[in-house]
Amino acid sequence: MTNEIKTANLQTTAKNQIVKLEKYLEQIYTVEVDTEFASSGKKEINLAEEKAIVRDLIYVYENGLQANEGSIYEEYSKYLSNAREYLDKLMDIETDINSKHGSDIKNLNALIFHFNRILDNN
């Protein structure tokens, strides 16, 4: 087998392993949360994606209100308060996940990092 074929096989293996490992991480960080929006009162979320969305909403609510009075201010101040509360809840969930799955998360991230190094070096 030539070096080019070995390199191609190694890259393919690395890519496949990264996909597999990222799926494991996604499973770990996919959780069911209580919500008033879902008919069941619960919805399944990816924690990282949900935190990013909530942080973006907080940014908009914090920076979008120019006058500190009026009905719109009152309404969106409540949204801001709810978003901050929800983010705190998500952070607590993340702490629990990291506590329960810390070793797996550490190993998954390390393996992903090293497989990516293979891709970067070839």
PDB file of N, CA and C in Angstrom:
ATOM      1  N   MET A   1       0.843  -1.175   0.000  1.00  0.00           N
ATOM      2  CA  MET A   1       0.000   0.000   0.000  1.00  0.00           C
ATOM      3  C   MET A   1       0.892   1.243   0.000  1.00  0.00           C
ATOM      4  N   THR A   2       0.569   2.182  -0.859  1.00  0.00           N
ATOM      5  CA  THR A   2       1.382   3.394  -0.930  1.00  0.00           C
ATOM      6  C   THR A   2       1.032   4.320   0.223  1.00  0.00           C
ATOM      7  N   ASN A   3       1.921   5.281   0.471  1.00  0.00           N
ATOM      8  CA  ASN A   3       1.674   6.266   1.532  1.00  0.00           C
ATOM      9  C   ASN A   3       0.425   7.080   1.249  1.00  0.00           C
ATOM     10  N   GLU A   4       0.168   7.355  -0.026  1.00  0.00           N
ATOM     11  CA  GLU A   4      -1.025   8.133  -0.373  1.00  0.00           C
ATOM     12  C   GLU A   4      -2.297   7.384  -0.013  1.00  0.00           C
ATOM     13  N   ILE A   5      -2.307   6.084  -0.255  1.00  0.00           N
ATOM     14  CA  ILE A   5      -3.480   5.275   0.078  1.00  0.00           C
ATOM     15  C   ILE A   5      -3.636   5.184   1.596  1.00  0.00           C
ATOM     16  N   LYS A   6      -2.502   4.981   2.311  1.00  0.00           N
ATOM     17  CA  LYS A   6      -2.551   4.932   3.771  1.00  0.00           C
ATOM     18  C   LYS A   6      -3.086   6.252   4.329  1.00  0.00           C
ATOM     19  N   THR A   7      -2.612   7.351   3.776  1.00  0.00           N
ATOM     20  CA  THR A   7      -3.057   8.665   4.223  1.00  0.00           C
ATOM     21  C   THR A   7      -4.540   8.854   3.954  1.00  0.00           C
ATOM     22  N   ALA A   8      -4.997   8.447   2.794  1.00  0.00           N
ATOM     23  CA  ALA A   8      -6.413   8.571   2.451  1.00  0.00           C
ATOM     24  C   ALA A   8      -7.263   7.718   3.384  1.00  0.00           C
ATOM     25  N   ASN A   9      -6.808   6.491   3.661  1.00  0.00           N
ATOM     26  CA  ASN A   9      -7.543   5.615   4.579  1.00  0.00           C
ATOM     27  C   ASN A   9      -7.579   6.200   5.987  1.00  0.00           C
ATOM     28  N   LEU A  10      -6.475   6.752   6.429  1.00  0.00           N
ATOM     29  CA  LEU A  10      -6.412   7.363   7.756  1.00  0.00           C
ATOM     30  C   LEU A  10      -7.336   8.570   7.841  1.00  0.00           C
ATOM     31  N   GLN A  11      -7.348   9.384   6.790  1.00  0.00           N
ATOM     32  CA  GLN A  11      -8.239  10.547   6.776  1.00  0.00           C
ATOM     33  C   GLN A  11      -9.706  10.121   6.791  1.00  0.00           C
ATOM     34  N   THR A  12     -10.035   9.113   6.019  1.00  0.00           N
ATOM     35  CA  THR A  12     -11.408   8.612   6.006  1.00  0.00           C
ATOM     36  C   THR A  12     -11.798   8.082   7.384  1.00  0.00           C
ATOM     37  N   THR A  13     -10.912   7.326   7.992  1.00  0.00           N
ATOM     38  CA  THR A  13     -11.167   6.809   9.335  1.00  0.00           C
ATOM     39  C   THR A  13     -11.347   7.955  10.328  1.00  0.00           C
ATOM     40  N   ALA A  14     -10.472   8.943  10.260  1.00  0.00           N
ATOM     41  CA  ALA A  14     -10.559  10.086  11.172  1.00  0.00           C
ATOM     42  C   ALA A  14     -11.892  10.812  10.999  1.00  0.00           C
ATOM     43  N   LYS A  15     -12.287  11.068   9.758  1.00  0.00           N
ATOM     44  CA  LYS A  15     -13.566  11.755   9.501  1.00  0.00           C
ATOM     45  C   LYS A  15     -14.741  10.955  10.052  1.00  0.00           C
ATOM     46  N   ASN A  16     -14.727   9.652   9.809  1.00  0.00           N
ATOM     47  CA  ASN A  16     -15.812   8.791  10.297  1.00  0.00           C
ATOM     48  C   ASN A  16     -15.865   8.768  11.823  1.00  0.00           C
ATOM     49  N   GLN A  17     -14.692   8.710  12.433  1.00  0.00           N
ATOM     50  CA  GLN A  17     -14.650   8.696  13.893  1.00  0.00           C
ATOM     51  C   GLN A  17     -15.144  10.029  14.480  1.00  0.00           C
ATOM     52  N   ILE A  18     -14.780  11.119  13.853  1.00  0.00           N
ATOM     53  CA  ILE A  18     -15.234  12.437  14.323  1.00  0.00           C
ATOM     54  C   ILE A  18     -16.755  12.515  14.280  1.00  0.00           C
ATOM     55  N   VAL A  19     -17.343  12.059  13.193  1.00  0.00           N
ATOM     56  CA  VAL A  19     -18.812  12.058  13.070  1.00  0.00           C
ATOM     57  C   VAL A  19     -19.428  11.228  14.195  1.00  0.00           C
ATOM     58  N   LYS A  20     -18.878  10.049  14.412  1.00  0.00           N
ATOM     59  CA  LYS A  20     -19.389   9.157  15.453  1.00  0.00           C
ATOM     60  C   LYS A  20     -19.256   9.786  16.840  1.00  0.00           C
ATOM     61  N   LEU A  21     -18.102  10.354  17.124  1.00  0.00           N
ATOM     62  CA  LEU A  21     -17.858  10.959  18.437  1.00  0.00           C
ATOM     63  C   LEU A  21     -18.736  12.187  18.665  1.00  0.00           C
ATOM     64  N   GLU A  22     -18.925  12.981  17.622  1.00  0.00           N
ATOM     65  CA  GLU A  22     -19.800  14.161  17.743  1.00  0.00           C
ATOM     66  C   GLU A  22     -21.246  13.752  18.001  1.00  0.00           C
ATOM     67  N   LYS A  23     -21.657  12.625  17.431  1.00  0.00           N
ATOM     68  CA  LYS A  23     -23.010  12.121  17.702  1.00  0.00           C
ATOM     69  C   LYS A  23     -23.158  11.734  19.166  1.00  0.00           C
ATOM     70  N   TYR A  24     -22.110  11.122  19.725  1.00  0.00           N
ATOM     71  CA  TYR A  24     -22.141  10.793  21.152  1.00  0.00           C
ATOM     72  C   TYR A  24     -22.308  12.058  21.988  1.00  0.00           C
ATOM     73  N   LEU A  25     -21.527  13.086  21.664  1.00  0.00           N
ATOM     74  CA  LEU A  25     -21.645  14.352  22.394  1.00  0.00           C
ATOM     75  C   LEU A  25     -23.043  14.942  22.251  1.00  0.00           C
ATOM     76  N   GLU A  26     -23.564  14.899  21.040  1.00  0.00           N
ATOM     77  CA  GLU A  26     -24.903  15.429  20.809  1.00  0.00           C
ATOM     78  C   GLU A  26     -25.939  14.684  21.646  1.00  0.00           C
ATOM     79  N   GLN A  27     -25.799  13.376  21.741  1.00  0.00           N
ATOM     80  CA  GLN A  27     -26.725  12.583  22.557  1.00  0.00           C
ATOM     81  C   GLN A  27     -26.635  12.984  24.027  1.00  0.00           C
ATOM     82  N   ILE A  28     -25.423  13.181  24.499  1.00  0.00           N
ATOM     83  CA  ILE A  28     -25.232  13.557  25.903  1.00  0.00           C
ATOM     84  C   ILE A  28     -25.892  14.900  26.184  1.00  0.00           C
ATOM     85  N   TYR A  29     -25.741  15.849  25.261  1.00  0.00           N
ATOM     86  CA  TYR A  29     -26.237  17.210  25.473  1.00  0.00           C
ATOM     87  C   TYR A  29     -27.645  17.444  24.924  1.00  0.00           C
ATOM     88  N   THR A  30     -28.319  16.392  24.485  1.00  0.00           N
ATOM     89  CA  THR A  30     -29.714  16.515  24.074  1.00  0.00           C
ATOM     90  C   THR A  30     -30.570  16.074  25.255  1.00  0.00           C
ATOM     91  N   VAL A  31     -31.393  16.996  25.725  1.00  0.00           N
ATOM     92  CA  VAL A  31     -32.178  16.746  26.930  1.00  0.00           C
ATOM     93  C   VAL A  31     -33.618  17.193  26.723  1.00  0.00           C
ATOM     94  N   GLU A  32     -34.468  16.719  27.587  1.00  0.00           N
ATOM     95  CA  GLU A  32     -35.860  17.132  27.567  1.00  0.00           C
ATOM     96  C   GLU A  32     -36.050  18.178  28.661  1.00  0.00           C
ATOM     97  N   VAL A  33     -36.666  19.288  28.303  1.00  0.00           N
ATOM     98  CA  VAL A  33     -36.906  20.355  29.264  1.00  0.00           C
ATOM     99  C   VAL A  33     -38.386  20.694  29.301  1.00  0.00           C
ATOM    100  N   ASP A  34     -38.807  21.217  30.428  1.00  0.00           N
ATOM    101  CA  ASP A  34     -40.172  21.705  30.561  1.00  0.00           C
ATOM    102  C   ASP A  34     -40.312  22.993  29.770  1.00  0.00           C
ATOM    103  N   THR A  35     -41.441  23.128  29.106  1.00  0.00           N
ATOM    104  CA  THR A  35     -41.699  24.353  28.367  1.00  0.00           C
ATOM    105  C   THR A  35     -43.196  24.595  28.301  1.00  0.00           C
ATOM    106  N   GLU A  36     -43.550  25.825  28.239  1.00  0.00           N
ATOM    107  CA  GLU A  36     -44.961  26.173  28.096  1.00  0.00           C
ATOM    108  C   GLU A  36     -45.402  26.128  26.643  1.00  0.00           C
ATOM    109  N   PHE A  37     -44.448  25.954  25.718  1.00  0.00           N
ATOM    110  CA  PHE A  37     -44.749  26.021  24.293  1.00  0.00           C
ATOM    111  C   PHE A  37     -45.166  24.684  23.702  1.00  0.00           C
ATOM    112  N   ALA A  38     -44.639  23.583  24.228  1.00  0.00           N
ATOM    113  CA  ALA A  38     -44.977  22.261  23.687  1.00  0.00           C
ATOM    114  C   ALA A  38     -46.279  21.774  24.313  1.00  0.00           C
ATOM    115  N   SER A  39     -47.076  21.072  23.534  1.00  0.00           N
ATOM    116  CA  SER A  39     -48.368  20.608  24.036  1.00  0.00           C
ATOM    117  C   SER A  39     -48.200  19.632  25.199  1.00  0.00           C
ATOM    118  N   SER A  40     -47.109  18.878  25.202  1.00  0.00           N
ATOM    119  CA  SER A  40     -46.857  17.935  26.291  1.00  0.00           C
ATOM    120  C   SER A  40     -46.260  18.629  27.502  1.00  0.00           C
ATOM    121  N   GLY A  41     -45.872  19.895  27.341  1.00  0.00           N
ATOM    122  CA  GLY A  41     -45.211  20.599  28.427  1.00  0.00           C
ATOM    123  C   GLY A  41     -43.719  20.335  28.461  1.00  0.00           C
ATOM    124  N   LYS A  42     -43.230  19.517  27.511  1.00  0.00           N
ATOM    125  CA  LYS A  42     -41.805  19.202  27.433  1.00  0.00           C
ATOM    126  C   LYS A  42     -41.361  19.264  25.975  1.00  0.00           C
ATOM    127  N   LYS A  43     -40.086  19.570  25.784  1.00  0.00           N
ATOM    128  CA  LYS A  43     -39.518  19.492  24.439  1.00  0.00           C
ATOM    129  C   LYS A  43     -38.076  19.032  24.550  1.00  0.00           C
ATOM    130  N   GLU A  44     -37.592  18.408  23.490  1.00  0.00           N
ATOM    131  CA  GLU A  44     -36.219  17.936  23.438  1.00  0.00           C
ATOM    132  C   GLU A  44     -35.357  19.015  22.797  1.00  0.00           C
ATOM    133  N   ILE A  45     -34.246  19.316  23.439  1.00  0.00           N
ATOM    134  CA  ILE A  45     -33.353  20.362  22.937  1.00  0.00           C
ATOM    135  C   ILE A  45     -31.916  19.874  22.921  1.00  0.00           C
ATOM    136  N   ASN A  46     -31.123  20.501  22.080  1.00  0.00           N
ATOM    137  CA  ASN A  46     -29.679  20.375  22.157  1.00  0.00           C
ATOM    138  C   ASN A  46     -29.226  21.538  23.029  1.00  0.00           C
ATOM    139  N   LEU A  47     -28.604  21.234  24.125  1.00  0.00           N
ATOM    140  CA  LEU A  47     -28.275  22.238  25.128  1.00  0.00           C
ATOM    141  C   LEU A  47     -27.419  23.379  24.572  1.00  0.00           C
ATOM    142  N   ALA A  48     -26.409  23.058  23.797  1.00  0.00           N
ATOM    143  CA  ALA A  48     -25.528  24.103  23.253  1.00  0.00           C
ATOM    144  C   ALA A  48     -26.294  25.029  22.313  1.00  0.00           C
ATOM    145  N   GLU A  49     -27.108  24.451  21.449  1.00  0.00           N
ATOM    146  CA  GLU A  49     -27.890  25.266  20.504  1.00  0.00           C
ATOM    147  C   GLU A  49     -28.899  26.138  21.245  1.00  0.00           C
ATOM    148  N   GLU A  50     -29.555  25.563  22.233  1.00  0.00           N
ATOM    149  CA  GLU A  50     -30.565  26.305  22.982  1.00  0.00           C
ATOM    150  C   GLU A  50     -29.930  27.461  23.756  1.00  0.00           C
ATOM    151  N   LYS A  51     -28.773  27.203  24.357  1.00  0.00           N
ATOM    152  CA  LYS A  51     -28.074  28.279  25.082  1.00  0.00           C
ATOM    153  C   LYS A  51     -27.690  29.407  24.130  1.00  0.00           C
ATOM    154  N   ALA A  52     -27.241  29.071  22.937  1.00  0.00           N
ATOM    155  CA  ALA A  52     -26.858  30.093  21.953  1.00  0.00           C
ATOM    156  C   ALA A  52     -28.070  30.940  21.564  1.00  0.00           C
ATOM    157  N   ILE A  53     -29.200  30.297  21.347  1.00  0.00           N
ATOM    158  CA  ILE A  53     -30.421  31.024  20.981  1.00  0.00           C
ATOM    159  C   ILE A  53     -30.837  31.957  22.107  1.00  0.00           C
ATOM    160  N   VAL A  54     -30.835  31.440  23.322  1.00  0.00           N
ATOM    161  CA  VAL A  54     -31.263  32.249  24.463  1.00  0.00           C
ATOM    162  C   VAL A  54     -30.302  33.422  24.680  1.00  0.00           C
ATOM    163  N   ARG A  55     -29.020  33.181  24.528  1.00  0.00           N
ATOM    164  CA  ARG A  55     -28.046  34.280  24.673  1.00  0.00           C
ATOM    165  C   ARG A  55     -28.276  35.361  23.615  1.00  0.00           C
ATOM    166  N   ASP A  56     -28.586  34.940  22.396  1.00  0.00           N
ATOM    167  CA  ASP A  56     -28.883  35.912  21.339  1.00  0.00           C
ATOM    168  C   ASP A  56     -30.134  36.715  21.678  1.00  0.00           C
ATOM    169  N   LEU A  57     -31.155  36.041  22.182  1.00  0.00           N
ATOM    170  CA  LEU A  57     -32.369  36.754  22.570  1.00  0.00           C
ATOM    171  C   LEU A  57     -32.096  37.738  23.711  1.00  0.00           C
ATOM    172  N   ILE A  58     -31.323  37.322  24.677  1.00  0.00           N
ATOM    173  CA  ILE A  58     -30.967  38.223  25.782  1.00  0.00           C
ATOM    174  C   ILE A  58     -30.253  39.450  25.246  1.00  0.00           C
ATOM    175  N   TYR A  59     -29.323  39.241  24.317  1.00  0.00           N
ATOM    176  CA  TYR A  59     -28.608  40.369  23.720  1.00  0.00           C
ATOM    177  C   TYR A  59     -29.589  41.346  23.065  1.00  0.00           C
ATOM    178  N   VAL A  60     -30.528  40.814  22.296  1.00  0.00           N
ATOM    179  CA  VAL A  60     -31.507  41.670  21.611  1.00  0.00           C
ATOM    180  C   VAL A  60     -32.362  42.406  22.634  1.00  0.00           C
ATOM    181  N   TYR A  61     -32.855  41.685  23.631  1.00  0.00           N
ATOM    182  CA  TYR A  61     -33.721  42.322  24.627  1.00  0.00           C
ATOM    183  C   TYR A  61     -32.969  43.389  25.424  1.00  0.00           C
ATOM    184  N   GLU A  62     -31.705  43.121  25.734  1.00  0.00           N
ATOM    185  CA  GLU A  62     -30.917  44.093  26.502  1.00  0.00           C
ATOM    186  C   GLU A  62     -30.583  45.338  25.690  1.00  0.00           C
ATOM    187  N   ASN A  63     -30.312  45.148  24.412  1.00  0.00           N
ATOM    188  CA  ASN A  63     -29.826  46.260  23.594  1.00  0.00           C
ATOM    189  C   ASN A  63     -30.884  46.886  22.698  1.00  0.00           C
ATOM    190  N   GLY A  64     -32.019  46.228  22.552  1.00  0.00           N
ATOM    191  CA  GLY A  64     -33.037  46.726  21.646  1.00  0.00           C
ATOM    192  C   GLY A  64     -33.998  47.725  22.253  1.00  0.00           C
ATOM    193  N   LEU A  65     -34.059  47.760  23.553  1.00  0.00           N
ATOM    194  CA  LEU A  65     -34.972  48.689  24.219  1.00  0.00           C
ATOM    195  C   LEU A  65     -34.248  50.000  24.485  1.00  0.00           C
ATOM    196  N   GLN A  66     -34.707  51.054  23.858  1.00  0.00           N
ATOM    197  CA  GLN A  66     -34.040  52.353  23.959  1.00  0.00           C
ATOM    198  C   GLN A  66     -34.660  53.262  25.016  1.00  0.00           C
ATOM    199  N   ALA A  67     -35.932  53.099  25.258  1.00  0.00           N
ATOM    200  CA  ALA A  67     -36.612  53.909  26.266  1.00  0.00           C
ATOM    201  C   ALA A  67     -37.068  52.986  27.394  1.00  0.00           C
ATOM    202  N   ASN A  68     -36.827  53.382  28.608  1.00  0.00           N
ATOM    203  CA  ASN A  68     -37.134  52.537  29.759  1.00  0.00           C
ATOM    204  C   ASN A  68     -38.547  52.734  30.294  1.00  0.00           C
ATOM    205  N   GLU A  69     -39.495  52.858  29.365  1.00  0.00           N
ATOM    206  CA  GLU A  69     -40.891  52.976  29.775  1.00  0.00           C
ATOM    207  C   GLU A  69     -41.779  52.601  28.593  1.00  0.00           C
ATOM    208  N   GLY A  70     -43.060  52.445  28.883  1.00  0.00           N
ATOM    209  CA  GLY A  70     -44.028  52.127  27.841  1.00  0.00           C
ATOM    210  C   GLY A  70     -44.406  50.665  27.847  1.00  0.00           C
ATOM    211  N   SER A  71     -45.455  50.341  27.120  1.00  0.00           N
ATOM    212  CA  SER A  71     -45.975  48.973  27.110  1.00  0.00           C
ATOM    213  C   SER A  71     -45.007  47.991  26.446  1.00  0.00           C
ATOM    214  N   ILE A  72     -44.332  48.423  25.397  1.00  0.00           N
ATOM    215  CA  ILE A  72     -43.349  47.557  24.733  1.00  0.00           C
ATOM    216  C   ILE A  72     -42.191  47.272  25.675  1.00  0.00           C
ATOM    217  N   TYR A  73     -41.738  48.304  26.360  1.00  0.00           N
ATOM    218  CA  TYR A  73     -40.658  48.122  27.345  1.00  0.00           C
ATOM    219  C   TYR A  73     -41.080  47.106  28.406  1.00  0.00           C
ATOM    220  N   GLU A  74     -42.288  47.251  28.918  1.00  0.00           N
ATOM    221  CA  GLU A  74     -42.778  46.333  29.957  1.00  0.00           C
ATOM    222  C   GLU A  74     -42.831  44.901  29.430  1.00  0.00           C
ATOM    223  N   GLU A  75     -43.370  44.739  28.232  1.00  0.00           N
ATOM    224  CA  GLU A  75     -43.492  43.405  27.644  1.00  0.00           C
ATOM    225  C   GLU A  75     -42.125  42.767  27.430  1.00  0.00           C
ATOM    226  N   TYR A  76     -41.205  43.504  26.820  1.00  0.00           N
ATOM    227  CA  TYR A  76     -39.905  42.922  26.494  1.00  0.00           C
ATOM    228  C   TYR A  76     -38.988  42.827  27.701  1.00  0.00           C
ATOM    229  N   SER A  77     -39.221  43.613  28.710  1.00  0.00           N
ATOM    230  CA  SER A  77     -38.495  43.445  29.968  1.00  0.00           C
ATOM    231  C   SER A  77     -38.858  42.108  30.606  1.00  0.00           C
ATOM    232  N   LYS A  78     -40.123  41.735  30.481  1.00  0.00           N
ATOM    233  CA  LYS A  78     -40.552  40.423  30.990  1.00  0.00           C
ATOM    234  C   LYS A  78     -39.895  39.298  30.177  1.00  0.00           C
ATOM    235  N   TYR A  79     -39.831  39.480  28.859  1.00  0.00           N
ATOM    236  CA  TYR A  79     -39.167  38.486  28.019  1.00  0.00           C
ATOM    237  C   TYR A  79     -37.701  38.350  28.433  1.00  0.00           C
ATOM    238  N   LEU A  80     -37.053  39.472  28.692  1.00  0.00           N
ATOM    239  CA  LEU A  80     -35.653  39.468  29.113  1.00  0.00           C
ATOM    240  C   LEU A  80     -35.500  38.710  30.430  1.00  0.00           C
ATOM    241  N   SER A  81     -36.359  39.003  31.362  1.00  0.00           N
ATOM    242  CA  SER A  81     -36.309  38.325  32.655  1.00  0.00           C
ATOM    243  C   SER A  81     -36.514  36.816  32.486  1.00  0.00           C
ATOM    244  N   ASN A  82     -37.493  36.429  31.665  1.00  0.00           N
ATOM    245  CA  ASN A  82     -37.752  35.009  31.414  1.00  0.00           C
ATOM    246  C   ASN A  82     -36.570  34.339  30.718  1.00  0.00           C
ATOM    247  N   ALA A  83     -35.959  35.035  29.771  1.00  0.00           N
ATOM    248  CA  ALA A  83     -34.814  34.477  29.054  1.00  0.00           C
ATOM    249  C   ALA A  83     -33.632  34.265  30.001  1.00  0.00           C
ATOM    250  N   ARG A  84     -33.388  35.218  30.873  1.00  0.00           N
ATOM    251  CA  ARG A  84     -32.297  35.072  31.850  1.00  0.00           C
ATOM    252  C   ARG A  84     -32.558  33.901  32.790  1.00  0.00           C
ATOM    253  N   GLU A  85     -33.795  33.769  33.210  1.00  0.00           N
ATOM    254  CA  GLU A  85     -34.183  32.667  34.091  1.00  0.00           C
ATOM    255  C   GLU A  85     -33.987  31.324  33.383  1.00  0.00           C
ATOM    256  N   TYR A  86     -34.400  31.270  32.133  1.00  0.00           N
ATOM    257  CA  TYR A  86     -34.266  30.044  31.345  1.00  0.00           C
ATOM    258  C   TYR A  86     -32.793  29.704  31.122  1.00  0.00           C
ATOM    259  N   LEU A  87     -31.970  30.715  30.857  1.00  0.00           N
ATOM    260  CA  LEU A  87     -30.542  30.469  30.680  1.00  0.00           C
ATOM    261  C   LEU A  87     -29.935  29.915  31.967  1.00  0.00           C
ATOM    262  N   ASP A  88     -30.330  30.443  33.098  1.00  0.00           N
ATOM    263  CA  ASP A  88     -29.850  29.904  34.379  1.00  0.00           C
ATOM    264  C   ASP A  88     -30.232  28.429  34.516  1.00  0.00           C
ATOM    265  N   LYS A  89     -31.450  28.099  34.126  1.00  0.00           N
ATOM    266  CA  LYS A  89     -31.920  26.712  34.177  1.00  0.00           C
ATOM    267  C   LYS A  89     -31.074  25.833  33.254  1.00  0.00           C
ATOM    268  N   LEU A  90     -30.794  26.332  32.051  1.00  0.00           N
ATOM    269  CA  LEU A  90     -29.964  25.570  31.112  1.00  0.00           C
ATOM    270  C   LEU A  90     -28.555  25.367  31.656  1.00  0.00           C
ATOM    271  N   MET A  91     -28.025  26.384  32.306  1.00  0.00           N
ATOM    272  CA  MET A  91     -26.682  26.269  32.886  1.00  0.00           C
ATOM    273  C   MET A  91     -26.667  25.222  34.006  1.00  0.00           C
ATOM    274  N   ASP A  92     -27.738  25.161  34.800  1.00  0.00           N
ATOM    275  CA  ASP A  92     -27.844  24.138  35.844  1.00  0.00           C
ATOM    276  C   ASP A  92     -27.902  22.741  35.226  1.00  0.00           C
ATOM    277  N   ILE A  93     -28.648  22.601  34.138  1.00  0.00           N
ATOM    278  CA  ILE A  93     -28.733  21.318  33.442  1.00  0.00           C
ATOM    279  C   ILE A  93     -27.355  20.922  32.914  1.00  0.00           C
ATOM    280  N   GLU A  94     -26.647  21.893  32.349  1.00  0.00           N
ATOM    281  CA  GLU A  94     -25.307  21.615  31.821  1.00  0.00           C
ATOM    282  C   GLU A  94     -24.367  21.172  32.940  1.00  0.00           C
ATOM    283  N   THR A  95     -24.460  21.809  34.088  1.00  0.00           N
ATOM    284  CA  THR A  95     -23.636  21.413  35.236  1.00  0.00           C
ATOM    285  C   THR A  95     -23.924  19.969  35.628  1.00  0.00           C
ATOM    286  N   ASP A  96     -25.199  19.607  35.663  1.00  0.00           N
ATOM    287  CA  ASP A  96     -25.579  18.229  35.989  1.00  0.00           C
ATOM    288  C   ASP A  96     -25.030  17.244  34.964  1.00  0.00           C
ATOM    289  N   ILE A  97     -25.170  17.586  33.689  1.00  0.00           N
ATOM    290  CA  ILE A  97     -24.665  16.712  32.623  1.00  0.00           C
ATOM    291  C   ILE A  97     -23.158  16.543  32.747  1.00  0.00           C
ATOM    292  N   ASN A  98     -22.457  17.650  32.949  1.00  0.00           N
ATOM    293  CA  ASN A  98     -20.998  17.582  33.068  1.00  0.00           C
ATOM    294  C   ASN A  98     -20.575  16.769  34.286  1.00  0.00           C
ATOM    295  N   SER A  99     -21.365  16.834  35.332  1.00  0.00           N
ATOM    296  CA  SER A  99     -21.077  16.057  36.535  1.00  0.00           C
ATOM    297  C   SER A  99     -21.282  14.563  36.276  1.00  0.00           C
ATOM    298  N   LYS A 100     -22.365  14.224  35.610  1.00  0.00           N
ATOM    299  CA  LYS A 100     -22.695  12.817  35.356  1.00  0.00           C
ATOM    300  C   LYS A 100     -21.835  12.191  34.259  1.00  0.00           C
ATOM    301  N   HIS A 101     -21.488  12.984  33.252  1.00  0.00           N
ATOM    302  CA  HIS A 101     -20.808  12.443  32.065  1.00  0.00           C
ATOM    303  C   HIS A 101     -19.434  13.074  31.832  1.00  0.00           C
ATOM    304  N   GLY A 102     -18.868  13.655  32.868  1.00  0.00           N
ATOM    305  CA  GLY A 102     -17.613  14.389  32.717  1.00  0.00           C
ATOM    306  C   GLY A 102     -16.490  13.599  32.067  1.00  0.00           C
ATOM    307  N   SER A 103     -16.307  12.372  32.492  1.00  0.00           N
ATOM    308  CA  SER A 103     -15.218  11.555  31.933  1.00  0.00           C
ATOM    309  C   SER A 103     -15.459  11.257  30.459  1.00  0.00           C
ATOM    310  N   ASP A 104     -16.688  10.893  30.118  1.00  0.00           N
ATOM    311  CA  ASP A 104     -17.009  10.633  28.711  1.00  0.00           C
ATOM    312  C   ASP A 104     -16.827  11.889  27.866  1.00  0.00           C
ATOM    313  N   ILE A 105     -17.290  13.017  28.369  1.00  0.00           N
ATOM    314  CA  ILE A 105     -17.167  14.280  27.634  1.00  0.00           C
ATOM    315  C   ILE A 105     -15.697  14.630  27.415  1.00  0.00           C
ATOM    316  N   LYS A 106     -14.901  14.454  28.451  1.00  0.00           N
ATOM    317  CA  LYS A 106     -13.463  14.740  28.338  1.00  0.00           C
ATOM    318  C   LYS A 106     -12.814  13.830  27.291  1.00  0.00           C
ATOM    319  N   ASN A 107     -13.137  12.541  27.331  1.00  0.00           N
ATOM    320  CA  ASN A 107     -12.574  11.597  26.359  1.00  0.00           C
ATOM    321  C   ASN A 107     -13.058  11.895  24.942  1.00  0.00           C
ATOM    322  N   LEU A 108     -14.336  12.179  24.794  1.00  0.00           N
ATOM    323  CA  LEU A 108     -14.876  12.487  23.465  1.00  0.00           C
ATOM    324  C   LEU A 108     -14.199  13.715  22.876  1.00  0.00           C
ATOM    325  N   ASN A 109     -14.081  14.771  23.660  1.00  0.00           N
ATOM    326  CA  ASN A 109     -13.442  15.990  23.162  1.00  0.00           C
ATOM    327  C   ASN A 109     -11.972  15.775  22.817  1.00  0.00           C
ATOM    328  N   ALA A 110     -11.276  14.992  23.632  1.00  0.00           N
ATOM    329  CA  ALA A 110      -9.863  14.711  23.357  1.00  0.00           C
ATOM    330  C   ALA A 110      -9.711  13.894  22.078  1.00  0.00           C
ATOM    331  N   LEU A 111     -10.565  12.891  21.905  1.00  0.00           N
ATOM    332  CA  LEU A 111     -10.490  12.080  20.680  1.00  0.00           C
ATOM    333  C   LEU A 111     -10.814  12.917  19.443  1.00  0.00           C
ATOM    334  N   ILE A 112     -11.837  13.747  19.531  1.00  0.00           N
ATOM    335  CA  ILE A 112     -12.183  14.623  18.409  1.00  0.00           C
ATOM    336  C   ILE A 112     -11.008  15.533  18.079  1.00  0.00           C
ATOM    337  N   PHE A 113     -10.402  16.107  19.094  1.00  0.00           N
ATOM    338  CA  PHE A 113      -9.250  16.986  18.889  1.00  0.00           C
ATOM    339  C   PHE A 113      -8.133  16.253  18.149  1.00  0.00           C
ATOM    340  N   HIS A 114      -7.817  15.046  18.588  1.00  0.00           N
ATOM    341  CA  HIS A 114      -6.693  14.323  17.982  1.00  0.00           C
ATOM    342  C   HIS A 114      -7.026  13.798  16.584  1.00  0.00           C
ATOM    343  N   PHE A 115      -8.259  13.401  16.359  1.00  0.00           N
ATOM    344  CA  PHE A 115      -8.634  13.024  14.995  1.00  0.00           C
ATOM    345  C   PHE A 115      -8.590  14.240  14.069  1.00  0.00           C
ATOM    346  N   ASN A 116      -8.977  15.402  14.575  1.00  0.00           N
ATOM    347  CA  ASN A 116      -8.875  16.621  13.768  1.00  0.00           C
ATOM    348  C   ASN A 116      -7.414  16.966  13.457  1.00  0.00           C
ATOM    349  N   ARG A 117      -6.529  16.686  14.365  1.00  0.00           N
ATOM    350  CA  ARG A 117      -5.085  16.910  14.111  1.00  0.00           C
ATOM    351  C   ARG A 117      -4.595  16.049  12.960  1.00  0.00           C
ATOM    352  N   ILE A 118      -5.101  14.824  12.888  1.00  0.00           N
ATOM    353  CA  ILE A 118      -4.748  13.954  11.756  1.00  0.00           C
ATOM    354  C   ILE A 118      -5.195  14.606  10.453  1.00  0.00           C
ATOM    355  N   LEU A 119      -6.408  15.139  10.453  1.00  0.00           N
ATOM    356  CA  LEU A 119      -6.925  15.780   9.244  1.00  0.00           C
ATOM    357  C   LEU A 119      -6.125  17.032   8.901  1.00  0.00           C
ATOM    358  N   ASP A 120      -5.735  17.777   9.920  1.00  0.00           N
ATOM    359  CA  ASP A 120      -4.977  19.014   9.701  1.00  0.00           C
ATOM    360  C   ASP A 120      -3.551  18.746   9.189  1.00  0.00           C
ATOM    361  N   ASN A 121      -2.989  17.616   9.582  1.00  0.00           N
ATOM    362  CA  ASN A 121      -1.603  17.306   9.225  1.00  0.00           C
ATOM    363  C   ASN A 121      -1.472  16.591   7.883  1.00  0.00           C
ATOM    364  N   ASN A 122      -2.587  16.169   7.326  1.00  0.00           N
ATOM    365  CA  ASN A 122      -2.504  15.424   6.048  1.00  0.00           C
ATOM    366  C   ASN A 122      -3.180  16.174   4.936  1.00  0.00           C
TER     367      ASN A 122
END
